[in-house]
Amino acid sequence: MINHVSIGVADVARSKAFYDAALKPLGYTCLSAGETSLGYGKGSVALWIGQAKKPVKPDPASGLHFCFDAATRKGVDAFHKAAIANGGSDNGKPGLRKDYDPTYYAAFVIDPDGYRIEAYCGAAE
């Protein structure tokens, strides 16, 4: 249903370091890179990141977040570890969220600009 989403950031180079590391364990790579924009995905760009004069201010109460599919639970774990090591902050350690679904395994981080990011795997193991 959604072809892609775009977010504005204060520092494209900082975002590239974060997203390169955080999305790599999930199998996503930077498919387009310029001085003011980045595009991430598998085969085609699904997440555009662009330099913005007025990035959206972080608002944890807004409910806004972006969730990326992970093929395995280990991928979710690696996403969380890489995100934290590259400028992100923890917003929910990897684990089952049985209140969502019995096999809902996810981790949550906040990127350097304040966007809430999730990695999710629905596999039974």
PDB file of N, CA and C in Angstrom:
ATOM      1  N   MET A   1       0.807  -1.185   0.000  1.00  0.00           N
ATOM      2  CA  MET A   1       0.000   0.000   0.000  1.00  0.00           C
ATOM      3  C   MET A   1       0.861   1.264   0.000  1.00  0.00           C
ATOM      4  N   ILE A   2       1.920   1.292   0.805  1.00  0.00           N
ATOM      5  CA  ILE A   2       2.790   2.468   0.833  1.00  0.00           C
ATOM      6  C   ILE A   2       4.039   2.167   0.014  1.00  0.00           C
ATOM      7  N   ASN A   3       4.355   3.039  -0.915  1.00  0.00           N
ATOM      8  CA  ASN A   3       5.543   2.869  -1.742  1.00  0.00           C
ATOM      9  C   ASN A   3       6.805   3.264  -0.994  1.00  0.00           C
ATOM     10  N   HIS A   4       6.742   4.381  -0.292  1.00  0.00           N
ATOM     11  CA  HIS A   4       7.887   4.829   0.500  1.00  0.00           C
ATOM     12  C   HIS A   4       7.447   5.890   1.498  1.00  0.00           C
ATOM     13  N   VAL A   5       8.318   6.169   2.459  1.00  0.00           N
ATOM     14  CA  VAL A   5       8.132   7.282   3.383  1.00  0.00           C
ATOM     15  C   VAL A   5       9.394   8.138   3.320  1.00  0.00           C
ATOM     16  N   SER A   6       9.221   9.405   3.644  1.00  0.00           N
ATOM     17  CA  SER A   6      10.342  10.341   3.658  1.00  0.00           C
ATOM     18  C   SER A   6      10.384  11.034   5.013  1.00  0.00           C
ATOM     19  N   ILE A   7      11.587  11.182   5.538  1.00  0.00           N
ATOM     20  CA  ILE A   7      11.762  11.915   6.790  1.00  0.00           C
ATOM     21  C   ILE A   7      12.847  12.962   6.606  1.00  0.00           C
ATOM     22  N   GLY A   8      12.716  14.061   7.327  1.00  0.00           N
ATOM     23  CA  GLY A   8      13.720  15.115   7.295  1.00  0.00           C
ATOM     24  C   GLY A   8      14.622  15.017   8.505  1.00  0.00           C
ATOM     25  N   VAL A   9      15.904  15.262   8.293  1.00  0.00           N
ATOM     26  CA  VAL A   9      16.889  15.171   9.369  1.00  0.00           C
ATOM     27  C   VAL A   9      17.768  16.414   9.386  1.00  0.00           C
ATOM     28  N   ALA A  10      18.417  16.627  10.510  1.00  0.00           N
ATOM     29  CA  ALA A  10      19.297  17.777  10.672  1.00  0.00           C
ATOM     30  C   ALA A  10      20.677  17.549  10.058  1.00  0.00           C
ATOM     31  N   ASP A  11      21.139  16.295  10.027  1.00  0.00           N
ATOM     32  CA  ASP A  11      22.504  15.991   9.588  1.00  0.00           C
ATOM     33  C   ASP A  11      22.494  14.675   8.809  1.00  0.00           C
ATOM     34  N   VAL A  12      22.584  14.760   7.484  1.00  0.00           N
ATOM     35  CA  VAL A  12      22.509  13.567   6.634  1.00  0.00           C
ATOM     36  C   VAL A  12      23.666  12.612   6.908  1.00  0.00           C
ATOM     37  N   ALA A  13      24.869  13.123   7.105  1.00  0.00           N
ATOM     38  CA  ALA A  13      26.018  12.247   7.361  1.00  0.00           C
ATOM     39  C   ALA A  13      25.826  11.452   8.655  1.00  0.00           C
ATOM     40  N   ARG A  14      25.333  12.105   9.687  1.00  0.00           N
ATOM     41  CA  ARG A  14      25.071  11.425  10.963  1.00  0.00           C
ATOM     42  C   ARG A  14      23.990  10.358  10.772  1.00  0.00           C
ATOM     43  N   SER A  15      22.952  10.693  10.035  1.00  0.00           N
ATOM     44  CA  SER A  15      21.877   9.734   9.769  1.00  0.00           C
ATOM     45  C   SER A  15      22.374   8.560   8.945  1.00  0.00           C
ATOM     46  N   LYS A  16      23.265   8.812   8.004  1.00  0.00           N
ATOM     47  CA  LYS A  16      23.804   7.718   7.186  1.00  0.00           C
ATOM     48  C   LYS A  16      24.561   6.727   8.056  1.00  0.00           C
ATOM     49  N   ALA A  17      25.388   7.218   8.959  1.00  0.00           N
ATOM     50  CA  ALA A  17      26.125   6.315   9.849  1.00  0.00           C
ATOM     51  C   ALA A  17      25.153   5.473  10.680  1.00  0.00           C
ATOM     52  N   PHE A  18      24.107   6.102  11.206  1.00  0.00           N
ATOM     53  CA  PHE A  18      23.126   5.395  12.021  1.00  0.00           C
ATOM     54  C   PHE A  18      22.356   4.365  11.197  1.00  0.00           C
ATOM     55  N   TYR A  19      21.749   4.790  10.091  1.00  0.00           N
ATOM     56  CA  TYR A  19      20.895   3.889   9.317  1.00  0.00           C
ATOM     57  C   TYR A  19      21.681   2.810   8.579  1.00  0.00           C
ATOM     58  N   ASP A  20      22.887   3.111   8.115  1.00  0.00           N
ATOM     59  CA  ASP A  20      23.721   2.054   7.512  1.00  0.00           C
ATOM     60  C   ASP A  20      23.906   0.912   8.506  1.00  0.00           C
ATOM     61  N   ALA A  21      24.255   1.269   9.741  1.00  0.00           N
ATOM     62  CA  ALA A  21      24.523   0.251  10.765  1.00  0.00           C
ATOM     63  C   ALA A  21      23.247  -0.433  11.238  1.00  0.00           C
ATOM     64  N   ALA A  22      22.210   0.341  11.529  1.00  0.00           N
ATOM     65  CA  ALA A  22      20.985  -0.220  12.106  1.00  0.00           C
ATOM     66  C   ALA A  22      20.219  -1.095  11.120  1.00  0.00           C
ATOM     67  N   LEU A  23      20.192  -0.718   9.858  1.00  0.00           N
ATOM     68  CA  LEU A  23      19.397  -1.456   8.882  1.00  0.00           C
ATOM     69  C   LEU A  23      20.134  -2.630   8.231  1.00  0.00           C
ATOM     70  N   LYS A  24      21.456  -2.627   8.319  1.00  0.00           N
ATOM     71  CA  LYS A  24      22.240  -3.723   7.720  1.00  0.00           C
ATOM     72  C   LYS A  24      21.828  -5.100   8.240  1.00  0.00           C
ATOM     73  N   PRO A  25      21.643  -5.289   9.555  1.00  0.00           N
ATOM     74  CA  PRO A  25      21.248  -6.620  10.037  1.00  0.00           C
ATOM     75  C   PRO A  25      19.872  -7.070   9.530  1.00  0.00           C
ATOM     76  N   LEU A  26      19.081  -6.125   9.048  1.00  0.00           N
ATOM     77  CA  LEU A  26      17.750  -6.446   8.536  1.00  0.00           C
ATOM     78  C   LEU A  26      17.766  -6.695   7.033  1.00  0.00           C
ATOM     79  N   GLY A  27      18.930  -6.510   6.401  1.00  0.00           N
ATOM     80  CA  GLY A  27      19.069  -6.742   4.973  1.00  0.00           C
ATOM     81  C   GLY A  27      18.783  -5.530   4.104  1.00  0.00           C
ATOM     82  N   TYR A  28      18.663  -4.357   4.721  1.00  0.00           N
ATOM     83  CA  TYR A  28      18.406  -3.134   3.965  1.00  0.00           C
ATOM     84  C   TYR A  28      19.714  -2.376   3.791  1.00  0.00           C
ATOM     85  N   THR A  29      19.878  -1.748   2.630  1.00  0.00           N
ATOM     86  CA  THR A  29      21.094  -0.987   2.356  1.00  0.00           C
ATOM     87  C   THR A  29      20.735   0.375   1.779  1.00  0.00           C
ATOM     88  N   CYS A  30      21.737   1.231   1.765  1.00  0.00           N
ATOM     89  CA  CYS A  30      21.585   2.556   1.168  1.00  0.00           C
ATOM     90  C   CYS A  30      21.710   2.388  -0.344  1.00  0.00           C
ATOM     91  N   LEU A  31      20.608   2.601  -1.047  1.00  0.00           N
ATOM     92  CA  LEU A  31      20.566   2.421  -2.501  1.00  0.00           C
ATOM     93  C   LEU A  31      20.790   3.725  -3.252  1.00  0.00           C
ATOM     94  N   SER A  32      20.680   4.830  -2.552  1.00  0.00           N
ATOM     95  CA  SER A  32      20.862   6.145  -3.155  1.00  0.00           C
ATOM     96  C   SER A  32      21.471   7.060  -2.107  1.00  0.00           C
ATOM     97  N   ALA A  33      22.590   7.692  -2.456  1.00  0.00           N
ATOM     98  CA  ALA A  33      23.246   8.573  -1.494  1.00  0.00           C
ATOM     99  C   ALA A  33      23.733   9.834  -2.191  1.00  0.00           C
ATOM    100  N   GLY A  34      23.371  10.959  -1.625  1.00  0.00           N
ATOM    101  CA  GLY A  34      23.834  12.248  -2.103  1.00  0.00           C
ATOM    102  C   GLY A  34      24.167  13.116  -0.902  1.00  0.00           C
ATOM    103  N   GLU A  35      24.589  14.338  -1.154  1.00  0.00           N
ATOM    104  CA  GLU A  35      24.938  15.226  -0.046  1.00  0.00           C
ATOM    105  C   GLU A  35      23.740  15.568   0.821  1.00  0.00           C
ATOM    106  N   THR A  36      22.542  15.593   0.223  1.00  0.00           N
ATOM    107  CA  THR A  36      21.368  16.031   0.981  1.00  0.00           C
ATOM    108  C   THR A  36      20.271  14.973   1.080  1.00  0.00           C
ATOM    109  N   SER A  37      20.511  13.782   0.549  1.00  0.00           N
ATOM    110  CA  SER A  37      19.466  12.757   0.660  1.00  0.00           C
ATOM    111  C   SER A  37      20.052  11.348   0.622  1.00  0.00           C
ATOM    112  N   LEU A  38      19.289  10.422   1.205  1.00  0.00           N
ATOM    113  CA  LEU A  38      19.642   9.008   1.249  1.00  0.00           C
ATOM    114  C   LEU A  38      18.386   8.201   0.957  1.00  0.00           C
ATOM    115  N   GLY A  39      18.562   7.046   0.326  1.00  0.00           N
ATOM    116  CA  GLY A  39      17.431   6.163   0.095  1.00  0.00           C
ATOM    117  C   GLY A  39      17.783   4.741   0.500  1.00  0.00           C
ATOM    118  N   TYR A  40      16.962   4.126   1.368  1.00  0.00           N
ATOM    119  CA  TYR A  40      17.208   2.778   1.885  1.00  0.00           C
ATOM    120  C   TYR A  40      16.121   1.809   1.453  1.00  0.00           C
ATOM    121  N   GLY A  41      16.533   0.565   1.234  1.00  0.00           N
ATOM    122  CA  GLY A  41      15.567  -0.475   0.918  1.00  0.00           C
ATOM    123  C   GLY A  41      16.251  -1.760   0.500  1.00  0.00           C
ATOM    124  N   LYS A  42      15.435  -2.630  -0.085  1.00  0.00           N
ATOM    125  CA  LYS A  42      15.897  -3.891  -0.690  1.00  0.00           C
ATOM    126  C   LYS A  42      15.388  -3.862  -2.122  1.00  0.00           C
ATOM    127  N   GLY A  43      16.258  -3.657  -3.058  1.00  0.00           N
ATOM    128  CA  GLY A  43      15.827  -3.616  -4.452  1.00  0.00           C
ATOM    129  C   GLY A  43      15.311  -2.256  -4.889  1.00  0.00           C
ATOM    130  N   SER A  44      14.488  -1.622  -4.084  1.00  0.00           N
ATOM    131  CA  SER A  44      14.006  -0.266  -4.370  1.00  0.00           C
ATOM    132  C   SER A  44      13.921   0.503  -3.054  1.00  0.00           C
ATOM    133  N   VAL A  45      13.957   1.812  -3.170  1.00  0.00           N
ATOM    134  CA  VAL A  45      13.962   2.661  -1.990  1.00  0.00           C
ATOM    135  C   VAL A  45      12.575   2.700  -1.351  1.00  0.00           C
ATOM    136  N   ALA A  46      12.532   2.432  -0.053  1.00  0.00           N
ATOM    137  CA  ALA A  46      11.289   2.515   0.712  1.00  0.00           C
ATOM    138  C   ALA A  46      11.369   3.590   1.797  1.00  0.00           C
ATOM    139  N   LEU A  47      12.594   3.981   2.165  1.00  0.00           N
ATOM    140  CA  LEU A  47      12.800   5.031   3.168  1.00  0.00           C
ATOM    141  C   LEU A  47      13.726   6.086   2.579  1.00  0.00           C
ATOM    142  N   TRP A  48      13.184   7.292   2.396  1.00  0.00           N
ATOM    143  CA  TRP A  48      13.995   8.427   1.958  1.00  0.00           C
ATOM    144  C   TRP A  48      14.301   9.289   3.174  1.00  0.00           C
ATOM    145  N   ILE A  49      15.549   9.717   3.263  1.00  0.00           N
ATOM    146  CA  ILE A  49      16.001  10.597   4.333  1.00  0.00           C
ATOM    147  C   ILE A  49      16.595  11.823   3.665  1.00  0.00           C
ATOM    148  N   GLY A  50      16.122  12.999   4.050  1.00  0.00           N
ATOM    149  CA  GLY A  50      16.610  14.216   3.417  1.00  0.00           C
ATOM    150  C   GLY A  50      16.963  15.299   4.409  1.00  0.00           C
ATOM    151  N   GLN A  51      17.954  16.093   4.035  1.00  0.00           N
ATOM    152  CA  GLN A  51      18.330  17.255   4.828  1.00  0.00           C
ATOM    153  C   GLN A  51      17.127  18.188   4.873  1.00  0.00           C
ATOM    154  N   ALA A  52      16.767  18.649   6.060  1.00  0.00           N
ATOM    155  CA  ALA A  52      15.609  19.528   6.209  1.00  0.00           C
ATOM    156  C   ALA A  52      15.963  20.747   7.050  1.00  0.00           C
ATOM    157  N   LYS A  53      15.439  21.886   6.644  1.00  0.00           N
ATOM    158  CA  LYS A  53      15.661  23.107   7.420  1.00  0.00           C
ATOM    159  C   LYS A  53      14.919  23.038   8.744  1.00  0.00           C
ATOM    160  N   LYS A  54      13.767  22.363   8.749  1.00  0.00           N
ATOM    161  CA  LYS A  54      12.958  22.249   9.962  1.00  0.00           C
ATOM    162  C   LYS A  54      12.489  20.809  10.135  1.00  0.00           C
ATOM    163  N   PRO A  55      13.388  19.894  10.558  1.00  0.00           N
ATOM    164  CA  PRO A  55      12.938  18.510  10.781  1.00  0.00           C
ATOM    165  C   PRO A  55      11.807  18.485  11.811  1.00  0.00           C
ATOM    166  N   VAL A  56      10.953  17.496  11.689  1.00  0.00           N
ATOM    167  CA  VAL A  56       9.863  17.330  12.648  1.00  0.00           C
ATOM    168  C   VAL A  56      10.471  17.160  14.037  1.00  0.00           C
ATOM    169  N   LYS A  57       9.932  17.889  14.989  1.00  0.00           N
ATOM    170  CA  LYS A  57      10.451  17.785  16.362  1.00  0.00           C
ATOM    171  C   LYS A  57      10.001  16.458  16.970  1.00  0.00           C
ATOM    172  N   PRO A  58      10.892  15.797  17.690  1.00  0.00           N
ATOM    173  CA  PRO A  58      10.525  14.537  18.345  1.00  0.00           C
ATOM    174  C   PRO A  58       9.347  14.733  19.299  1.00  0.00           C
ATOM    175  N   ASP A  59       8.405  13.814  19.229  1.00  0.00           N
ATOM    176  CA  ASP A  59       7.255  13.852  20.124  1.00  0.00           C
ATOM    177  C   ASP A  59       6.846  12.419  20.445  1.00  0.00           C
ATOM    178  N   PRO A  60       7.390  11.846  21.520  1.00  0.00           N
ATOM    179  CA  PRO A  60       7.076  10.461  21.865  1.00  0.00           C
ATOM    180  C   PRO A  60       5.585  10.201  22.055  1.00  0.00           C
ATOM    181  N   ALA A  61       4.826  11.238  22.393  1.00  0.00           N
ATOM    182  CA  ALA A  61       3.389  11.069  22.611  1.00  0.00           C
ATOM    183  C   ALA A  61       2.590  11.052  21.306  1.00  0.00           C
ATOM    184  N   SER A  62       3.254  11.312  20.173  1.00  0.00           N
ATOM    185  CA  SER A  62       2.535  11.380  18.893  1.00  0.00           C
ATOM    186  C   SER A  62       2.103  10.008  18.386  1.00  0.00           C
ATOM    187  N   GLY A  63       2.813   8.959  18.805  1.00  0.00           N
ATOM    188  CA  GLY A  63       2.527   7.617  18.300  1.00  0.00           C
ATOM    189  C   GLY A  63       3.241   7.301  16.994  1.00  0.00           C
ATOM    190  N   LEU A  64       3.895   8.287  16.390  1.00  0.00           N
ATOM    191  CA  LEU A  64       4.588   8.076  15.121  1.00  0.00           C
ATOM    192  C   LEU A  64       5.812   7.196  15.321  1.00  0.00           C
ATOM    193  N   HIS A  65       5.916   6.134  14.534  1.00  0.00           N
ATOM    194  CA  HIS A  65       7.138   5.337  14.487  1.00  0.00           C
ATOM    195  C   HIS A  65       7.169   4.579  13.173  1.00  0.00           C
ATOM    196  N   PHE A  66       8.347   4.087  12.837  1.00  0.00           N
ATOM    197  CA  PHE A  66       8.547   3.328  11.608  1.00  0.00           C
ATOM    198  C   PHE A  66       9.019   1.936  11.981  1.00  0.00           C
ATOM    199  N   CYS A  67       8.386   0.930  11.414  1.00  0.00           N
ATOM    200  CA  CYS A  67       8.703  -0.455  11.736  1.00  0.00           C
ATOM    201  C   CYS A  67       9.285  -1.147  10.511  1.00  0.00           C
ATOM    202  N   PHE A  68      10.410  -1.811  10.700  1.00  0.00           N
ATOM    203  CA  PHE A  68      11.089  -2.538   9.628  1.00  0.00           C
ATOM    204  C   PHE A  68      10.997  -4.036   9.888  1.00  0.00           C
ATOM    205  N   ASP A  69      10.700  -4.800   8.837  1.00  0.00           N
ATOM    206  CA  ASP A  69      10.652  -6.255   8.940  1.00  0.00           C
ATOM    207  C   ASP A  69      12.041  -6.824   9.116  1.00  0.00           C
ATOM    208  N   ALA A  70      12.128  -7.822   9.956  1.00  0.00           N
ATOM    209  CA  ALA A  70      13.355  -8.592  10.148  1.00  0.00           C
ATOM    210  C   ALA A  70      13.038 -10.046   9.839  1.00  0.00           C
ATOM    211  N   ALA A  71      13.931 -10.725   9.151  1.00  0.00           N
ATOM    212  CA  ALA A  71      13.709 -12.127   8.796  1.00  0.00           C
ATOM    213  C   ALA A  71      13.828 -13.047  10.008  1.00  0.00           C
ATOM    214  N   THR A  72      14.650 -12.634  10.981  1.00  0.00           N
ATOM    215  CA  THR A  72      14.893 -13.484  12.150  1.00  0.00           C
ATOM    216  C   THR A  72      14.920 -12.647  13.426  1.00  0.00           C
ATOM    217  N   ARG A  73      14.764 -13.324  14.546  1.00  0.00           N
ATOM    218  CA  ARG A  73      14.888 -12.650  15.837  1.00  0.00           C
ATOM    219  C   ARG A  73      16.317 -12.169  16.058  1.00  0.00           C
ATOM    220  N   LYS A  74      17.282 -12.932  15.569  1.00  0.00           N
ATOM    221  CA  LYS A  74      18.682 -12.498  15.678  1.00  0.00           C
ATOM    222  C   LYS A  74      18.897 -11.186  14.939  1.00  0.00           C
ATOM    223  N   GLY A  75      18.185 -11.010  13.827  1.00  0.00           N
ATOM    224  CA  GLY A  75      18.253  -9.746  13.091  1.00  0.00           C
ATOM    225  C   GLY A  75      17.727  -8.588  13.919  1.00  0.00           C
ATOM    226  N   VAL A  76      16.650  -8.817  14.659  1.00  0.00           N
ATOM    227  CA  VAL A  76      16.098  -7.795  15.556  1.00  0.00           C
ATOM    228  C   VAL A  76      17.130  -7.444  16.628  1.00  0.00           C
ATOM    229  N   ASP A  77      17.752  -8.459  17.213  1.00  0.00           N
ATOM    230  CA  ASP A  77      18.778  -8.236  18.238  1.00  0.00           C
ATOM    231  C   ASP A  77      19.941  -7.416  17.680  1.00  0.00           C
ATOM    232  N   ALA A  78      20.398  -7.783  16.481  1.00  0.00           N
ATOM    233  CA  ALA A  78      21.534  -7.096  15.859  1.00  0.00           C
ATOM    234  C   ALA A  78      21.171  -5.663  15.488  1.00  0.00           C
ATOM    235  N   PHE A  79      19.949  -5.444  15.025  1.00  0.00           N
ATOM    236  CA  PHE A  79      19.456  -4.095  14.734  1.00  0.00           C
ATOM    237  C   PHE A  79      19.571  -3.223  15.981  1.00  0.00           C
ATOM    238  N   HIS A  80      19.065  -3.716  17.091  1.00  0.00           N
ATOM    239  CA  HIS A  80      19.061  -2.946  18.341  1.00  0.00           C
ATOM    240  C   HIS A  80      20.485  -2.620  18.781  1.00  0.00           C
ATOM    241  N   LYS A  81      21.339  -3.613  18.751  1.00  0.00           N
ATOM    242  CA  LYS A  81      22.725  -3.418  19.178  1.00  0.00           C
ATOM    243  C   LYS A  81      23.433  -2.392  18.281  1.00  0.00           C
ATOM    244  N   ALA A  82      23.273  -2.525  16.960  1.00  0.00           N
ATOM    245  CA  ALA A  82      23.928  -1.608  16.022  1.00  0.00           C
ATOM    246  C   ALA A  82      23.371  -0.194  16.146  1.00  0.00           C
ATOM    247  N   ALA A  83      22.074  -0.088  16.333  1.00  0.00           N
ATOM    248  CA  ALA A  83      21.465   1.241  16.462  1.00  0.00           C
ATOM    249  C   ALA A  83      21.988   1.973  17.690  1.00  0.00           C
ATOM    250  N   ILE A  84      22.072   1.275  18.804  1.00  0.00           N
ATOM    251  CA  ILE A  84      22.565   1.877  20.047  1.00  0.00           C
ATOM    252  C   ILE A  84      24.037   2.263  19.899  1.00  0.00           C
ATOM    253  N   ALA A  85      24.815   1.421  19.243  1.00  0.00           N
ATOM    254  CA  ALA A  85      26.249   1.678  19.073  1.00  0.00           C
ATOM    255  C   ALA A  85      26.535   2.818  18.092  1.00  0.00           C
ATOM    256  N   ASN A  86      25.512   3.247  17.343  1.00  0.00           N
ATOM    257  CA  ASN A  86      25.730   4.263  16.315  1.00  0.00           C
ATOM    258  C   ASN A  86      24.855   5.500  16.504  1.00  0.00           C
ATOM    259  N   GLY A  87      24.640   5.862  17.756  1.00  0.00           N
ATOM    260  CA  GLY A  87      23.985   7.128  18.043  1.00  0.00           C
ATOM    261  C   GLY A  87      22.520   7.058  18.397  1.00  0.00           C
ATOM    262  N   GLY A  88      21.941   5.870  18.386  1.00  0.00           N
ATOM    263  CA  GLY A  88      20.546   5.726  18.779  1.00  0.00           C
ATOM    264  C   GLY A  88      20.420   5.521  20.272  1.00  0.00           C
ATOM    265  N   SER A  89      19.203   5.614  20.759  1.00  0.00           N
ATOM    266  CA  SER A  89      18.957   5.334  22.174  1.00  0.00           C
ATOM    267  C   SER A  89      17.873   4.275  22.304  1.00  0.00           C
ATOM    268  N   ASP A  90      17.969   3.525  23.369  1.00  0.00           N
ATOM    269  CA  ASP A  90      17.036   2.429  23.605  1.00  0.00           C
ATOM    270  C   ASP A  90      15.627   2.954  23.869  1.00  0.00           C
ATOM    271  N   ASN A  91      14.654   2.300  23.246  1.00  0.00           N
ATOM    272  CA  ASN A  91      13.248   2.628  23.486  1.00  0.00           C
ATOM    273  C   ASN A  91      12.439   1.345  23.671  1.00  0.00           C
ATOM    274  N   GLY A  92      13.144   0.240  23.942  1.00  0.00           N
ATOM    275  CA  GLY A  92      12.509  -1.054  24.154  1.00  0.00           C
ATOM    276  C   GLY A  92      13.423  -2.170  23.696  1.00  0.00           C
ATOM    277  N   LYS A  93      14.033  -2.849  24.632  1.00  0.00           N
ATOM    278  CA  LYS A  93      15.000  -3.906  24.322  1.00  0.00           C
ATOM    279  C   LYS A  93      14.345  -5.030  23.516  1.00  0.00           C
ATOM    280  N   PRO A  94      15.140  -5.803  22.770  1.00  0.00           N
ATOM    281  CA  PRO A  94      14.593  -6.923  21.997  1.00  0.00           C
ATOM    282  C   PRO A  94      13.866  -7.917  22.896  1.00  0.00           C
ATOM    283  N   GLY A  95      12.737  -8.387  22.422  1.00  0.00           N
ATOM    284  CA  GLY A  95      11.990  -9.389  23.169  1.00  0.00           C
ATOM    285  C   GLY A  95      10.602  -9.593  22.615  1.00  0.00           C
ATOM    286  N   LEU A  96       9.922 -10.582  23.163  1.00  0.00           N
ATOM    287  CA  LEU A  96       8.545 -10.872  22.777  1.00  0.00           C
ATOM    288  C   LEU A  96       7.618  -9.801  23.335  1.00  0.00           C
ATOM    289  N   ARG A  97       6.639  -9.428  22.549  1.00  0.00           N
ATOM    290  CA  ARG A  97       5.569  -8.513  22.968  1.00  0.00           C
ATOM    291  C   ARG A  97       4.273  -9.310  22.872  1.00  0.00           C
ATOM    292  N   LYS A  98       4.063 -10.206  23.851  1.00  0.00           N
ATOM    293  CA  LYS A  98       2.922 -11.129  23.805  1.00  0.00           C
ATOM    294  C   LYS A  98       1.583 -10.409  23.867  1.00  0.00           C
ATOM    295  N   ASP A  99       1.585  -9.175  24.370  1.00  0.00           N
ATOM    296  CA  ASP A  99       0.337  -8.414  24.378  1.00  0.00           C
ATOM    297  C   ASP A  99      -0.056  -7.981  22.959  1.00  0.00           C
ATOM    298  N   TYR A 100       0.918  -7.989  22.017  1.00  0.00           N
ATOM    299  CA  TYR A 100       0.622  -7.713  20.605  1.00  0.00           C
ATOM    300  C   TYR A 100       0.199  -8.998  19.909  1.00  0.00           C
ATOM    301  N   ASP A 101       1.028 -10.049  20.098  1.00  0.00           N
ATOM    302  CA  ASP A 101       0.815 -11.342  19.459  1.00  0.00           C
ATOM    303  C   ASP A 101       1.802 -12.316  20.104  1.00  0.00           C
ATOM    304  N   PRO A 102       1.467 -13.599  20.220  1.00  0.00           N
ATOM    305  CA  PRO A 102       2.371 -14.539  20.896  1.00  0.00           C
ATOM    306  C   PRO A 102       3.764 -14.651  20.273  1.00  0.00           C
ATOM    307  N   THR A 103       3.910 -14.353  18.973  1.00  0.00           N
ATOM    308  CA  THR A 103       5.223 -14.455  18.332  1.00  0.00           C
ATOM    309  C   THR A 103       5.788 -13.095  17.921  1.00  0.00           C
ATOM    310  N   TYR A 104       5.229 -12.008  18.433  1.00  0.00           N
ATOM    311  CA  TYR A 104       5.674 -10.656  18.065  1.00  0.00           C
ATOM    312  C   TYR A 104       6.978 -10.351  18.798  1.00  0.00           C
ATOM    313  N   TYR A 105       8.094 -10.437  18.055  1.00  0.00           N
ATOM    314  CA  TYR A 105       9.424 -10.189  18.617  1.00  0.00           C
ATOM    315  C   TYR A 105       9.917  -8.878  18.023  1.00  0.00           C
ATOM    316  N   ALA A 106      10.246  -7.921  18.870  1.00  0.00           N
ATOM    317  CA  ALA A 106      10.608  -6.602  18.369  1.00  0.00           C
ATOM    318  C   ALA A 106      11.600  -5.909  19.285  1.00  0.00           C
ATOM    319  N   ALA A 107      12.204  -4.872  18.732  1.00  0.00           N
ATOM    320  CA  ALA A 107      13.066  -3.967  19.486  1.00  0.00           C
ATOM    321  C   ALA A 107      12.772  -2.559  19.001  1.00  0.00           C
ATOM    322  N   PHE A 108      12.932  -1.605  19.901  1.00  0.00           N
ATOM    323  CA  PHE A 108      12.611  -0.222  19.602  1.00  0.00           C
ATOM    324  C   PHE A 108      13.793   0.676  19.953  1.00  0.00           C
ATOM    325  N   VAL A 109      14.096   1.625  19.068  1.00  0.00           N
ATOM    326  CA  VAL A 109      15.160   2.597  19.307  1.00  0.00           C
ATOM    327  C   VAL A 109      14.677   3.977  18.876  1.00  0.00           C
ATOM    328  N   ILE A 110      15.414   4.971  19.295  1.00  0.00           N
ATOM    329  CA  ILE A 110      15.182   6.338  18.840  1.00  0.00           C
ATOM    330  C   ILE A 110      16.425   6.767  18.082  1.00  0.00           C
ATOM    331  N   ASP A 111      16.238   7.226  16.840  1.00  0.00           N
ATOM    332  CA  ASP A 111      17.381   7.613  16.017  1.00  0.00           C
ATOM    333  C   ASP A 111      17.939   8.957  16.487  1.00  0.00           C
ATOM    334  N   PRO A 112      19.078   9.406  15.931  1.00  0.00           N
ATOM    335  CA  PRO A 112      19.699  10.644  16.410  1.00  0.00           C
ATOM    336  C   PRO A 112      18.829  11.892  16.270  1.00  0.00           C
ATOM    337  N   ASP A 113      17.797  11.850  15.409  1.00  0.00           N
ATOM    338  CA  ASP A 113      16.907  13.001  15.258  1.00  0.00           C
ATOM    339  C   ASP A 113      15.626  12.879  16.069  1.00  0.00           C
ATOM    340  N   GLY A 114      15.469  11.775  16.785  1.00  0.00           N
ATOM    341  CA  GLY A 114      14.301  11.603  17.631  1.00  0.00           C
ATOM    342  C   GLY A 114      13.194  10.747  17.040  1.00  0.00           C
ATOM    343  N   TYR A 115      13.403  10.202  15.832  1.00  0.00           N
ATOM    344  CA  TYR A 115      12.395   9.313  15.244  1.00  0.00           C
ATOM    345  C   TYR A 115      12.416   7.968  15.961  1.00  0.00           C
ATOM    346  N   ARG A 116      11.231   7.435  16.235  1.00  0.00           N
ATOM    347  CA  ARG A 116      11.110   6.136  16.879  1.00  0.00           C
ATOM    348  C   ARG A 116      11.112   5.063  15.795  1.00  0.00           C
ATOM    349  N   ILE A 117      12.020   4.101  15.929  1.00  0.00           N
ATOM    350  CA  ILE A 117      12.247   3.060  14.929  1.00  0.00           C
ATOM    351  C   ILE A 117      12.088   1.703  15.598  1.00  0.00           C
ATOM    352  N   GLU A 118      11.450   0.798  14.886  1.00  0.00           N
ATOM    353  CA  GLU A 118      11.217  -0.561  15.393  1.00  0.00           C
ATOM    354  C   GLU A 118      11.700  -1.583  14.374  1.00  0.00           C
ATOM    355  N   ALA A 119      12.223  -2.699  14.852  1.00  0.00           N
ATOM    356  CA  ALA A 119      12.480  -3.874  14.018  1.00  0.00           C
ATOM    357  C   ALA A 119      11.601  -4.988  14.550  1.00  0.00           C
ATOM    358  N   TYR A 120      10.951  -5.721  13.654  1.00  0.00           N
ATOM    359  CA  TYR A 120       9.951  -6.719  14.034  1.00  0.00           C
ATOM    360  C   TYR A 120      10.163  -8.033  13.283  1.00  0.00           C
ATOM    361  N   CYS A 121      10.006  -9.140  13.995  1.00  0.00           N
ATOM    362  CA  CYS A 121      10.009 -10.471  13.409  1.00  0.00           C
ATOM    363  C   CYS A 121       8.824 -11.236  13.995  1.00  0.00           C
ATOM    364  N   GLY A 122       8.024 -11.821  13.130  1.00  0.00           N
ATOM    365  CA  GLY A 122       6.860 -12.582  13.580  1.00  0.00           C
ATOM    366  C   GLY A 122       7.064 -14.082  13.539  1.00  0.00           C
ATOM    367  N   ALA A 123       8.281 -14.532  13.232  1.00  0.00           N
ATOM    368  CA  ALA A 123       8.559 -15.964  13.178  1.00  0.00           C
ATOM    369  C   ALA A 123       8.459 -16.576  14.580  1.00  0.00           C
ATOM    370  N   ALA A 124       8.043 -17.833  14.627  1.00  0.00           N
ATOM    371  CA  ALA A 124       7.876 -18.507  15.912  1.00  0.00           C
ATOM    372  C   ALA A 124       9.188 -18.661  16.669  1.00  0.00           C
ATOM    373  N   GLU A 125      10.289 -18.730  16.017  1.00  0.00           N
ATOM    374  CA  GLU A 125      11.620 -18.839  16.641  1.00  0.00           C
ATOM    375  C   GLU A 125      12.615 -18.035  15.889  1.00  0.00           C
TER     376      GLU A 125
END
